[in-house]
Amino acid sequence: MNEKALAEAFADSVKTLKSEIGNVIVGQEHVVDAVLTAIFCNGHALLVGVPGLAKTLLVKTVAQSLDLDFNRIQFTPDLMPGDITGNEILDEDRKFHFVRGPLFANIVLADEINRTPPKTQAALLEAMQERNVTVSGQHHALPKPFFVLATQNPIEQEGTYPLPEAQLDRFMFNINLDYPAFDEELRILKGTTGDREPSAGKVLTAAQILQYQQLVRQVPVTDALFEYAVSLVQKTRPGTPAADAYVNDYISYGAGPRAGQFLILGAKCHALMNGKFSPDREDVQAVAKNVLRHRMVRNYKAEAEGISNDDVVKRLL
């Protein structure tokens, strides 16, 4: 299959995926788009929203439709690194062997990641970056493909361990979930209070996902779009020649080079998902909020005036 035919097959597969996921998840189209984009870019995503917005159900449904192994880890204050990576245990023959932890799956849901101590967060984030875990000096490769979709509750901060900026930067996307609209909430109630349990059919295999990830990497990008992405990222850095005046007023620290990488990768995937063979500025802008919102640190003035990172990104676009 040539690249053009493969790109068309990819766009068709994404449409089918969205349709199957839509059998279970009502609304949240922008969230589904963002999660699928992160997966096909081989990135990880952080989902932020209040309880009850189907974050866990969404991740389980995506795993089901992609025919991938799925594990859910409920992060708690007493969770230790070995609880997620696995441990060496002594067997009957008095030999140590490695027992795999729940990280050994294609899709891992890290539920309420900010409720576990930094030591366990660091173990997870190391696995995200290296795609392997180290136990007793031995490296154990994680399965391919491997994605972490983490959730975070923005309301209760008492007794939590917020992810530091350097660790947040490991996530390709930070995706905000909003309350459903009236008609969507009505459909949710009708669909979840009866005796029928909706489900999503299997659409893609692990091998096909790896093939599509490679396809995304092969999408051509113009020099002008690379320059646009770099310009956008540099505008987020206060005190630099490229900084926007609005950024100098409200931001303490801007985005690093990884933001530009994810802007381009996300734009490539967004273009393919929408039937285009090369991305343009609209594709970069479509993923900009999800890429940049967790890579900028607001100052006290922004917090006092209620200026959010989304407001800053919107201004830059």
C-alpha atoms as a PDB file:
ATOM      1  CA  MET A   1       0.000   0.000   0.000  1.00  0.00           C
ATOM      2  CA  ASN A   2       1.478   3.369  -1.031  1.00  0.00           C
ATOM      3  CA  GLU A   3       1.574   6.348   1.337  1.00  0.00           C
ATOM      4  CA  LYS A   4      -1.448   8.078  -0.201  1.00  0.00           C
ATOM      5  CA  ALA A   5      -3.605   4.945   0.074  1.00  0.00           C
ATOM      6  CA  LEU A   6      -2.348   4.416   3.632  1.00  0.00           C
ATOM      7  CA  ALA A   7      -3.239   8.012   4.542  1.00  0.00           C
ATOM      8  CA  GLU A   8      -6.759   7.536   3.168  1.00  0.00           C
ATOM      9  CA  ALA A   9      -7.095   4.266   5.094  1.00  0.00           C
ATOM     10  CA  PHE A  10      -5.949   6.098   8.234  1.00  0.00           C
ATOM     11  CA  ALA A  11      -8.614   8.815   7.827  1.00  0.00           C
ATOM     12  CA  ASP A  12     -11.287   6.136   7.295  1.00  0.00           C
ATOM     13  CA  SER A  13     -10.093   4.201  10.359  1.00  0.00           C
ATOM     14  CA  VAL A  14     -10.278   7.337  12.503  1.00  0.00           C
ATOM     15  CA  LYS A  15     -13.882   7.975  11.379  1.00  0.00           C
ATOM     16  CA  THR A  16     -14.820   4.401  12.282  1.00  0.00           C
ATOM     17  CA  LEU A  17     -13.015   4.717  15.627  1.00  0.00           C
ATOM     18  CA  LYS A  18     -14.906   7.891  16.510  1.00  0.00           C
ATOM     19  CA  SER A  19     -18.184   6.231  15.550  1.00  0.00           C
ATOM     20  CA  GLU A  20     -17.512   3.209  17.789  1.00  0.00           C
ATOM     21  CA  ILE A  21     -16.357   5.383  20.692  1.00  0.00           C
ATOM     22  CA  GLY A  22     -19.478   7.544  20.184  1.00  0.00           C
ATOM     23  CA  ASN A  23     -21.612   4.467  20.938  1.00  0.00           C
ATOM     24  CA  VAL A  24     -20.394   4.715  24.532  1.00  0.00           C
ATOM     25  CA  ILE A  25     -19.177   8.291  25.040  1.00  0.00           C
ATOM     26  CA  VAL A  26     -21.738  11.043  24.489  1.00  0.00           C
ATOM     27  CA  GLY A  27     -20.283  14.349  23.275  1.00  0.00           C
ATOM     28  CA  GLN A  28     -16.674  15.236  24.237  1.00  0.00           C
ATOM     29  CA  GLU A  29     -15.672  15.138  20.543  1.00  0.00           C
ATOM     30  CA  HIS A  30     -12.687  17.442  21.100  1.00  0.00           C
ATOM     31  CA  VAL A  31     -11.448  15.188  23.917  1.00  0.00           C
ATOM     32  CA  VAL A  32     -11.754  12.029  21.780  1.00  0.00           C
ATOM     33  CA  ASP A  33      -9.903  13.802  18.937  1.00  0.00           C
ATOM     34  CA  ALA A  34      -7.109  14.859  21.282  1.00  0.00           C
ATOM     35  CA  VAL A  35      -6.708  11.403  22.859  1.00  0.00           C
ATOM     36  CA  LEU A  36      -6.567   9.720  19.446  1.00  0.00           C
ATOM     37  CA  THR A  37      -4.079  12.331  18.200  1.00  0.00           C
ATOM     38  CA  ALA A  38      -1.793  11.660  21.180  1.00  0.00           C
ATOM     39  CA  ILE A  39      -1.992   7.906  20.593  1.00  0.00           C
ATOM     40  CA  PHE A  40      -1.154   8.124  16.886  1.00  0.00           C
ATOM     41  CA  CYS A  41       1.729  10.489  17.715  1.00  0.00           C
ATOM     42  CA  ASN A  42       3.045   7.974  20.281  1.00  0.00           C
ATOM     43  CA  GLY A  43       2.511  10.519  23.063  1.00  0.00           C
ATOM     44  CA  HIS A  44       0.924  10.547  26.509  1.00  0.00           C
ATOM     45  CA  ALA A  45      -2.019  12.659  27.642  1.00  0.00           C
ATOM     46  CA  LEU A  46      -3.224  14.190  30.892  1.00  0.00           C
ATOM     47  CA  LEU A  47      -7.015  14.507  31.247  1.00  0.00           C
ATOM     48  CA  VAL A  48      -8.158  17.171  33.689  1.00  0.00           C
ATOM     49  CA  GLY A  49     -11.773  17.409  34.786  1.00  0.00           C
ATOM     50  CA  VAL A  50     -14.142  17.190  37.737  1.00  0.00           C
ATOM     51  CA  PRO A  51     -15.435  13.752  38.835  1.00  0.00           C
ATOM     52  CA  GLY A  52     -18.174  12.126  36.768  1.00  0.00           C
ATOM     53  CA  LEU A  53     -17.149  13.351  33.301  1.00  0.00           C
ATOM     54  CA  ALA A  54     -16.380   9.803  32.082  1.00  0.00           C
ATOM     55  CA  LYS A  55     -12.593  10.181  31.988  1.00  0.00           C
ATOM     56  CA  THR A  56     -12.058   6.555  33.035  1.00  0.00           C
ATOM     57  CA  LEU A  57     -14.825   5.273  30.762  1.00  0.00           C
ATOM     58  CA  LEU A  58     -13.342   7.186  27.825  1.00  0.00           C
ATOM     59  CA  VAL A  59      -9.910   5.604  28.256  1.00  0.00           C
ATOM     60  CA  LYS A  60     -11.400   2.101  28.663  1.00  0.00           C
ATOM     61  CA  THR A  61     -13.531   2.605  25.547  1.00  0.00           C
ATOM     62  CA  VAL A  62     -10.545   3.802  23.490  1.00  0.00           C
ATOM     63  CA  ALA A  63      -8.531   0.747  24.598  1.00  0.00           C
ATOM     64  CA  GLN A  64     -11.453  -1.522  23.705  1.00  0.00           C
ATOM     65  CA  SER A  65     -11.886  -0.039  20.217  1.00  0.00           C
ATOM     66  CA  LEU A  66      -8.139  -0.293  19.569  1.00  0.00           C
ATOM     67  CA  ASP A  67      -8.004  -3.934  20.736  1.00  0.00           C
ATOM     68  CA  LEU A  68      -5.166  -3.180  23.156  1.00  0.00           C
ATOM     69  CA  ASP A  69      -4.258  -4.486  26.603  1.00  0.00           C
ATOM     70  CA  PHE A  70      -5.541  -2.062  29.223  1.00  0.00           C
ATOM     71  CA  ASN A  71      -4.708  -1.609  32.913  1.00  0.00           C
ATOM     72  CA  ARG A  72      -6.098   0.916  35.356  1.00  0.00           C
ATOM     73  CA  ILE A  73      -3.994   2.030  38.314  1.00  0.00           C
ATOM     74  CA  GLN A  74      -5.751   3.933  41.087  1.00  0.00           C
ATOM     75  CA  PHE A  75      -3.114   6.271  42.495  1.00  0.00           C
ATOM     76  CA  THR A  76      -3.242   6.637  46.281  1.00  0.00           C
ATOM     77  CA  PRO A  77      -0.911   8.180  48.896  1.00  0.00           C
ATOM     78  CA  ASP A  78       0.418   4.752  49.944  1.00  0.00           C
ATOM     79  CA  LEU A  79       1.223   3.498  46.418  1.00  0.00           C
ATOM     80  CA  MET A  80       4.907   2.552  46.022  1.00  0.00           C
ATOM     81  CA  PRO A  81       6.967   2.406  42.785  1.00  0.00           C
ATOM     82  CA  GLY A  82       7.131  -1.405  42.936  1.00  0.00           C
ATOM     83  CA  ASP A  83       3.332  -1.538  43.016  1.00  0.00           C
ATOM     84  CA  ILE A  84       3.216  -0.219  39.459  1.00  0.00           C
ATOM     85  CA  THR A  85       6.488  -1.437  37.913  1.00  0.00           C
ATOM     86  CA  GLY A  86       6.593  -4.929  39.463  1.00  0.00           C
ATOM     87  CA  ASN A  87       8.996  -6.648  41.858  1.00  0.00           C
ATOM     88  CA  GLU A  88      11.612  -9.361  42.077  1.00  0.00           C
ATOM     89  CA  ILE A  89      10.305 -12.249  44.189  1.00  0.00           C
ATOM     90  CA  LEU A  90      11.957 -15.409  45.520  1.00  0.00           C
ATOM     91  CA  ASP A  91      10.390 -18.550  44.035  1.00  0.00           C
ATOM     92  CA  GLU A  92      10.310 -22.140  45.352  1.00  0.00           C
ATOM     93  CA  ASP A  93      13.733 -22.871  43.814  1.00  0.00           C
ATOM     94  CA  ARG A  94      15.222 -19.984  45.797  1.00  0.00           C
ATOM     95  CA  LYS A  95      15.752 -17.964  42.618  1.00  0.00           C
ATOM     96  CA  PHE A  96      14.576 -14.429  42.008  1.00  0.00           C
ATOM     97  CA  HIS A  97      12.259 -13.756  39.108  1.00  0.00           C
ATOM     98  CA  PHE A  98      10.498 -10.614  37.990  1.00  0.00           C
ATOM     99  CA  VAL A  99       6.733 -10.331  38.413  1.00  0.00           C
ATOM    100  CA  ARG A 100       5.375  -7.646  36.096  1.00  0.00           C
ATOM    101  CA  GLY A 101       3.321  -4.800  37.506  1.00  0.00           C
ATOM    102  CA  PRO A 102       0.271  -3.113  35.938  1.00  0.00           C
ATOM    103  CA  LEU A 103       2.494  -0.812  33.841  1.00  0.00           C
ATOM    104  CA  PHE A 104       2.972  -3.727  31.449  1.00  0.00           C
ATOM    105  CA  ALA A 105       0.027  -2.970  29.183  1.00  0.00           C
ATOM    106  CA  ASN A 106      -0.502  -1.054  25.938  1.00  0.00           C
ATOM    107  CA  ILE A 107      -2.738   1.581  27.527  1.00  0.00           C
ATOM    108  CA  VAL A 108      -2.307   2.472  31.193  1.00  0.00           C
ATOM    109  CA  LEU A 109      -4.857   4.660  32.938  1.00  0.00           C
ATOM    110  CA  ALA A 110      -3.116   6.497  35.780  1.00  0.00           C
ATOM    111  CA  ASP A 111      -6.200   7.526  37.720  1.00  0.00           C
ATOM    112  CA  GLU A 112      -5.764  10.663  39.883  1.00  0.00           C
ATOM    113  CA  ILE A 113      -2.018  10.827  39.334  1.00  0.00           C
ATOM    114  CA  ASN A 114      -1.688  13.801  41.700  1.00  0.00           C
ATOM    115  CA  ARG A 115      -2.775  11.689  44.709  1.00  0.00           C
ATOM    116  CA  THR A 116       0.410   9.608  44.874  1.00  0.00           C
ATOM    117  CA  PRO A 117       3.808  10.719  46.255  1.00  0.00           C
ATOM    118  CA  PRO A 118       6.554  12.076  43.982  1.00  0.00           C
ATOM    119  CA  LYS A 119       8.583   8.847  44.230  1.00  0.00           C
ATOM    120  CA  THR A 120       5.827   6.835  42.533  1.00  0.00           C
ATOM    121  CA  GLN A 121       5.052   9.648  40.071  1.00  0.00           C
ATOM    122  CA  ALA A 122       8.737   9.637  39.078  1.00  0.00           C
ATOM    123  CA  ALA A 123       8.687   5.867  38.466  1.00  0.00           C
ATOM    124  CA  LEU A 124       5.694   6.272  36.156  1.00  0.00           C
ATOM    125  CA  LEU A 125       7.180   9.229  34.311  1.00  0.00           C
ATOM    126  CA  GLU A 126      10.489   7.408  33.820  1.00  0.00           C
ATOM    127  CA  ALA A 127       8.574   4.540  32.191  1.00  0.00           C
ATOM    128  CA  MET A 128       6.739   7.068  29.997  1.00  0.00           C
ATOM    129  CA  GLN A 129       9.989   8.560  28.754  1.00  0.00           C
ATOM    130  CA  GLU A 130      12.185   5.453  28.460  1.00  0.00           C
ATOM    131  CA  ARG A 131       9.443   2.932  27.526  1.00  0.00           C
ATOM    132  CA  ASN A 132      11.002   0.477  29.996  1.00  0.00           C
ATOM    133  CA  VAL A 133      11.285  -0.048  33.758  1.00  0.00           C
ATOM    134  CA  THR A 134      14.370  -0.817  35.827  1.00  0.00           C
ATOM    135  CA  VAL A 135      14.060  -3.225  38.759  1.00  0.00           C
ATOM    136  CA  SER A 136      17.107  -4.522  40.663  1.00  0.00           C
ATOM    137  CA  GLY A 137      19.365  -3.148  37.947  1.00  0.00           C
ATOM    138  CA  GLN A 138      17.577  -5.059  35.181  1.00  0.00           C
ATOM    139  CA  HIS A 139      15.794  -3.307  32.296  1.00  0.00           C
ATOM    140  CA  HIS A 140      12.398  -4.640  31.283  1.00  0.00           C
ATOM    141  CA  ALA A 141      10.930  -3.319  28.026  1.00  0.00           C
ATOM    142  CA  LEU A 142       7.298  -2.230  28.026  1.00  0.00           C
ATOM    143  CA  PRO A 143       4.995  -3.526  25.267  1.00  0.00           C
ATOM    144  CA  LYS A 144       4.532  -1.612  22.019  1.00  0.00           C
ATOM    145  CA  PRO A 145       2.542   0.537  21.584  1.00  0.00           C
ATOM    146  CA  PHE A 146       2.605   2.024  25.089  1.00  0.00           C
ATOM    147  CA  PHE A 147       0.558   5.026  26.250  1.00  0.00           C
ATOM    148  CA  VAL A 148      -0.156   6.585  29.617  1.00  0.00           C
ATOM    149  CA  LEU A 149      -3.438   8.441  29.900  1.00  0.00           C
ATOM    150  CA  ALA A 150      -3.470  10.102  33.305  1.00  0.00           C
ATOM    151  CA  THR A 151      -6.392  11.829  35.008  1.00  0.00           C
ATOM    152  CA  GLN A 152      -6.408  14.664  37.498  1.00  0.00           C
ATOM    153  CA  ASN A 153      -9.173  16.242  39.550  1.00  0.00           C
ATOM    154  CA  PRO A 154      -8.750  20.051  39.585  1.00  0.00           C
ATOM    155  CA  ILE A 155     -11.066  20.668  42.568  1.00  0.00           C
ATOM    156  CA  GLU A 156      -9.649  19.007  45.685  1.00  0.00           C
ATOM    157  CA  GLN A 157      -5.991  19.886  46.209  1.00  0.00           C
ATOM    158  CA  GLU A 158      -5.754  18.942  49.895  1.00  0.00           C
ATOM    159  CA  GLY A 159      -3.548  15.886  50.368  1.00  0.00           C
ATOM    160  CA  THR A 160      -2.347  15.891  46.748  1.00  0.00           C
ATOM    161  CA  TYR A 161       1.104  16.045  45.167  1.00  0.00           C
ATOM    162  CA  PRO A 162       0.892  18.353  42.124  1.00  0.00           C
ATOM    163  CA  LEU A 163       3.087  17.296  39.213  1.00  0.00           C
ATOM    164  CA  PRO A 164       6.088  19.634  38.827  1.00  0.00           C
ATOM    165  CA  GLU A 165       6.533  21.439  35.519  1.00  0.00           C
ATOM    166  CA  ALA A 166       9.402  19.204  34.380  1.00  0.00           C
ATOM    167  CA  GLN A 167       7.184  16.136  34.773  1.00  0.00           C
ATOM    168  CA  LEU A 168       4.152  17.793  33.202  1.00  0.00           C
ATOM    169  CA  ASP A 169       6.337  18.417  30.164  1.00  0.00           C
ATOM    170  CA  ARG A 170       6.448  14.635  29.554  1.00  0.00           C
ATOM    171  CA  PHE A 171       2.786  14.719  28.563  1.00  0.00           C
ATOM    172  CA  MET A 172       2.167  15.598  24.935  1.00  0.00           C
ATOM    173  CA  PHE A 173      -1.305  16.979  25.698  1.00  0.00           C
ATOM    174  CA  ASN A 174      -3.092  18.439  28.689  1.00  0.00           C
ATOM    175  CA  ILE A 175      -6.785  17.974  27.836  1.00  0.00           C
ATOM    176  CA  ASN A 176      -9.534  19.830  29.696  1.00  0.00           C
ATOM    177  CA  LEU A 177     -12.943  18.162  30.041  1.00  0.00           C
ATOM    178  CA  ASP A 178     -16.024  20.357  30.406  1.00  0.00           C
ATOM    179  CA  TYR A 179     -19.555  19.643  31.628  1.00  0.00           C
ATOM    180  CA  PRO A 180     -21.851  18.226  28.919  1.00  0.00           C
ATOM    181  CA  ALA A 181     -24.463  20.393  27.206  1.00  0.00           C
ATOM    182  CA  PHE A 182     -28.148  19.931  28.127  1.00  0.00           C
ATOM    183  CA  ASP A 183     -29.010  17.631  25.208  1.00  0.00           C
ATOM    184  CA  GLU A 184     -25.806  15.599  25.738  1.00  0.00           C
ATOM    185  CA  GLU A 185     -26.558  15.128  29.432  1.00  0.00           C
ATOM    186  CA  LEU A 186     -30.097  14.071  28.512  1.00  0.00           C
ATOM    187  CA  ARG A 187     -28.682  11.398  26.172  1.00  0.00           C
ATOM    188  CA  ILE A 188     -26.300  10.249  28.907  1.00  0.00           C
ATOM    189  CA  LEU A 189     -29.162   9.742  31.347  1.00  0.00           C
ATOM    190  CA  LYS A 190     -31.292   7.880  28.815  1.00  0.00           C
ATOM    191  CA  GLY A 191     -28.384   5.675  27.762  1.00  0.00           C
ATOM    192  CA  THR A 192     -27.077   4.767  31.224  1.00  0.00           C
ATOM    193  CA  THR A 193     -30.245   4.203  33.259  1.00  0.00           C
ATOM    194  CA  GLY A 194     -31.741   1.421  31.164  1.00  0.00           C
ATOM    195  CA  ASP A 195     -30.945  -2.283  30.859  1.00  0.00           C
ATOM    196  CA  ARG A 196     -28.756  -1.955  27.751  1.00  0.00           C
ATOM    197  CA  GLU A 197     -25.013  -1.519  28.182  1.00  0.00           C
ATOM    198  CA  PRO A 198     -23.398   0.209  25.170  1.00  0.00           C
ATOM    199  CA  SER A 199     -20.063  -1.078  23.891  1.00  0.00           C
ATOM    200  CA  ALA A 200     -17.453  -0.199  21.269  1.00  0.00           C
ATOM    201  CA  GLY A 201     -16.334  -2.651  18.588  1.00  0.00           C
ATOM    202  CA  LYS A 202     -12.695  -3.370  17.807  1.00  0.00           C
ATOM    203  CA  VAL A 203     -11.382  -1.265  14.912  1.00  0.00           C
ATOM    204  CA  LEU A 204      -7.560  -1.404  14.886  1.00  0.00           C
ATOM    205  CA  THR A 205      -4.834  -3.774  16.066  1.00  0.00           C
ATOM    206  CA  ALA A 206      -1.527  -2.939  17.744  1.00  0.00           C
ATOM    207  CA  ALA A 207       0.355  -3.588  14.484  1.00  0.00           C
ATOM    208  CA  GLN A 208      -1.874  -1.157  12.576  1.00  0.00           C
ATOM    209  CA  ILE A 209      -1.401   1.516  15.246  1.00  0.00           C
ATOM    210  CA  LEU A 210       2.392   1.188  14.975  1.00  0.00           C
ATOM    211  CA  GLN A 211       2.081   1.475  11.187  1.00  0.00           C
ATOM    212  CA  TYR A 212      -0.017   4.635  11.476  1.00  0.00           C
ATOM    213  CA  GLN A 213       2.431   6.129  13.989  1.00  0.00           C
ATOM    214  CA  GLN A 214       5.154   5.687  11.388  1.00  0.00           C
ATOM    215  CA  LEU A 215       2.897   7.238   8.751  1.00  0.00           C
ATOM    216  CA  VAL A 216       2.388  10.358  10.904  1.00  0.00           C
ATOM    217  CA  ARG A 217       6.172  10.760  11.138  1.00  0.00           C
ATOM    218  CA  GLN A 218       6.463  10.623   7.327  1.00  0.00           C
ATOM    219  CA  VAL A 219       4.029  13.483   6.633  1.00  0.00           C
ATOM    220  CA  PRO A 220       5.889  16.356   4.890  1.00  0.00           C
ATOM    221  CA  VAL A 221       5.997  19.780   6.552  1.00  0.00           C
ATOM    222  CA  THR A 222       6.983  23.081   4.929  1.00  0.00           C
ATOM    223  CA  ASP A 223       9.786  25.244   6.320  1.00  0.00           C
ATOM    224  CA  ALA A 224       7.241  28.018   6.827  1.00  0.00           C
ATOM    225  CA  LEU A 225       5.213  25.810   9.200  1.00  0.00           C
ATOM    226  CA  PHE A 226       8.317  24.812  11.166  1.00  0.00           C
ATOM    227  CA  GLU A 227       9.107  28.527  11.533  1.00  0.00           C
ATOM    228  CA  TYR A 228       5.538  29.249  12.632  1.00  0.00           C
ATOM    229  CA  ALA A 229       5.728  26.570  15.339  1.00  0.00           C
ATOM    230  CA  VAL A 230       9.076  27.866  16.636  1.00  0.00           C
ATOM    231  CA  SER A 231       7.768  31.450  16.574  1.00  0.00           C
ATOM    232  CA  LEU A 232       4.670  30.438  18.540  1.00  0.00           C
ATOM    233  CA  VAL A 233       6.703  28.636  21.198  1.00  0.00           C
ATOM    234  CA  GLN A 234       9.239  31.465  21.544  1.00  0.00           C
ATOM    235  CA  LYS A 235       6.438  33.990  22.075  1.00  0.00           C
ATOM    236  CA  THR A 236       5.539  32.137  25.304  1.00  0.00           C
ATOM    237  CA  ARG A 237       8.935  32.904  26.884  1.00  0.00           C
ATOM    238  CA  PRO A 238       8.854  36.140  28.919  1.00  0.00           C
ATOM    239  CA  GLY A 239      11.885  38.399  28.867  1.00  0.00           C
ATOM    240  CA  THR A 240      13.094  37.185  25.475  1.00  0.00           C
ATOM    241  CA  PRO A 241      13.197  39.253  22.242  1.00  0.00           C
ATOM    242  CA  ALA A 242      10.356  37.187  20.707  1.00  0.00           C
ATOM    243  CA  ALA A 243       8.064  37.411  23.761  1.00  0.00           C
ATOM    244  CA  ASP A 244       4.606  38.850  23.332  1.00  0.00           C
ATOM    245  CA  ALA A 245       3.827  41.853  25.592  1.00  0.00           C
ATOM    246  CA  TYR A 246       0.828  39.956  26.999  1.00  0.00           C
ATOM    247  CA  VAL A 247       3.179  37.098  27.939  1.00  0.00           C
ATOM    248  CA  ASN A 248       5.606  39.458  29.675  1.00  0.00           C
ATOM    249  CA  ASP A 249       2.702  40.701  31.797  1.00  0.00           C
ATOM    250  CA  TYR A 250       1.229  37.354  32.839  1.00  0.00           C
ATOM    251  CA  ILE A 251       3.731  34.492  32.419  1.00  0.00           C
ATOM    252  CA  SER A 252       6.755  33.607  34.584  1.00  0.00           C
ATOM    253  CA  TYR A 253       8.141  30.736  32.503  1.00  0.00           C
ATOM    254  CA  GLY A 254       7.394  29.707  28.940  1.00  0.00           C
ATOM    255  CA  ALA A 255       7.374  26.485  26.938  1.00  0.00           C
ATOM    256  CA  GLY A 256      10.514  24.516  26.068  1.00  0.00           C
ATOM    257  CA  PRO A 257      11.599  22.937  22.755  1.00  0.00           C
ATOM    258  CA  ARG A 258       9.478  19.827  23.364  1.00  0.00           C
ATOM    259  CA  ALA A 259       6.398  22.020  22.809  1.00  0.00           C
ATOM    260  CA  GLY A 260       7.488  22.715  19.224  1.00  0.00           C
ATOM    261  CA  GLN A 261       8.050  19.027  18.569  1.00  0.00           C
ATOM    262  CA  PHE A 262       4.547  18.180  19.775  1.00  0.00           C
ATOM    263  CA  LEU A 263       2.998  21.083  17.852  1.00  0.00           C
ATOM    264  CA  ILE A 264       4.414  19.697  14.601  1.00  0.00           C
ATOM    265  CA  LEU A 265       3.607  16.050  15.368  1.00  0.00           C
ATOM    266  CA  GLY A 266       0.096  16.970  16.515  1.00  0.00           C
ATOM    267  CA  ALA A 267      -0.455  19.089  13.389  1.00  0.00           C
ATOM    268  CA  LYS A 268       0.689  16.216  11.153  1.00  0.00           C
ATOM    269  CA  CYS A 269      -1.750  13.808  12.797  1.00  0.00           C
ATOM    270  CA  HIS A 270      -4.591  16.354  12.825  1.00  0.00           C
ATOM    271  CA  ALA A 271      -4.111  16.909   9.092  1.00  0.00           C
ATOM    272  CA  LEU A 272      -4.186  13.183   8.328  1.00  0.00           C
ATOM    273  CA  MET A 273      -7.252  12.654  10.506  1.00  0.00           C
ATOM    274  CA  ASN A 274      -9.046  15.292   8.455  1.00  0.00           C
ATOM    275  CA  GLY A 275      -8.083  13.919   5.041  1.00  0.00           C
ATOM    276  CA  LYS A 276      -5.161  16.262   4.314  1.00  0.00           C
ATOM    277  CA  PHE A 277      -1.722  15.066   3.213  1.00  0.00           C
ATOM    278  CA  SER A 278       0.228  17.978   4.695  1.00  0.00           C
ATOM    279  CA  PRO A 279      -0.480  20.227   7.700  1.00  0.00           C
ATOM    280  CA  ASP A 280      -0.957  23.997   7.674  1.00  0.00           C
ATOM    281  CA  ARG A 281      -1.304  26.709  10.322  1.00  0.00           C
ATOM    282  CA  GLU A 282      -4.876  25.670  11.127  1.00  0.00           C
ATOM    283  CA  ASP A 283      -3.624  22.228  12.169  1.00  0.00           C
ATOM    284  CA  VAL A 284      -0.987  23.735  14.462  1.00  0.00           C
ATOM    285  CA  GLN A 285      -3.603  26.036  15.989  1.00  0.00           C
ATOM    286  CA  ALA A 286      -5.984  23.087  16.494  1.00  0.00           C
ATOM    287  CA  VAL A 287      -3.526  21.387  18.877  1.00  0.00           C
ATOM    288  CA  ALA A 288      -1.874  24.502  20.359  1.00  0.00           C
ATOM    289  CA  LYS A 289      -3.956  24.773  23.560  1.00  0.00           C
ATOM    290  CA  ASN A 290      -3.496  21.106  24.452  1.00  0.00           C
ATOM    291  CA  VAL A 291       0.265  21.370  23.856  1.00  0.00           C
ATOM    292  CA  LEU A 292       0.964  24.736  25.498  1.00  0.00           C
ATOM    293  CA  ARG A 293      -1.456  25.095  28.423  1.00  0.00           C
ATOM    294  CA  HIS A 294       0.642  22.979  30.831  1.00  0.00           C
ATOM    295  CA  ARG A 295       4.005  24.304  29.631  1.00  0.00           C
ATOM    296  CA  MET A 296       3.570  27.889  30.829  1.00  0.00           C
ATOM    297  CA  VAL A 297       3.680  29.084  34.428  1.00  0.00           C
ATOM    298  CA  ARG A 298       1.458  32.037  35.296  1.00  0.00           C
ATOM    299  CA  ASN A 299       2.670  34.809  37.602  1.00  0.00           C
ATOM    300  CA  TYR A 300       0.812  36.322  40.559  1.00  0.00           C
ATOM    301  CA  LYS A 301      -0.673  39.081  38.415  1.00  0.00           C
ATOM    302  CA  ALA A 302      -2.323  36.532  36.118  1.00  0.00           C
ATOM    303  CA  GLU A 303      -3.736  34.595  39.060  1.00  0.00           C
ATOM    304  CA  ALA A 304      -5.040  37.787  40.691  1.00  0.00           C
ATOM    305  CA  GLU A 305      -6.747  38.924  37.479  1.00  0.00           C
ATOM    306  CA  GLY A 306      -8.103  35.468  36.624  1.00  0.00           C
ATOM    307  CA  ILE A 307      -6.037  35.124  33.440  1.00  0.00           C
ATOM    308  CA  SER A 308      -5.669  31.452  32.492  1.00  0.00           C
ATOM    309  CA  ASN A 309      -3.034  29.784  30.325  1.00  0.00           C
ATOM    310  CA  ASP A 310      -5.778  29.183  27.748  1.00  0.00           C
ATOM    311  CA  ASP A 311      -6.375  32.946  27.613  1.00  0.00           C
ATOM    312  CA  VAL A 312      -2.674  33.484  26.880  1.00  0.00           C
ATOM    313  CA  VAL A 313      -2.600  30.847  24.122  1.00  0.00           C
ATOM    314  CA  LYS A 314      -5.759  32.284  22.599  1.00  0.00           C
ATOM    315  CA  ARG A 315      -4.134  35.722  22.552  1.00  0.00           C
ATOM    316  CA  LEU A 316      -0.988  34.317  20.872  1.00  0.00           C
ATOM    317  CA  LEU A 317      -3.042  32.622  18.170  1.00  0.00           C
END
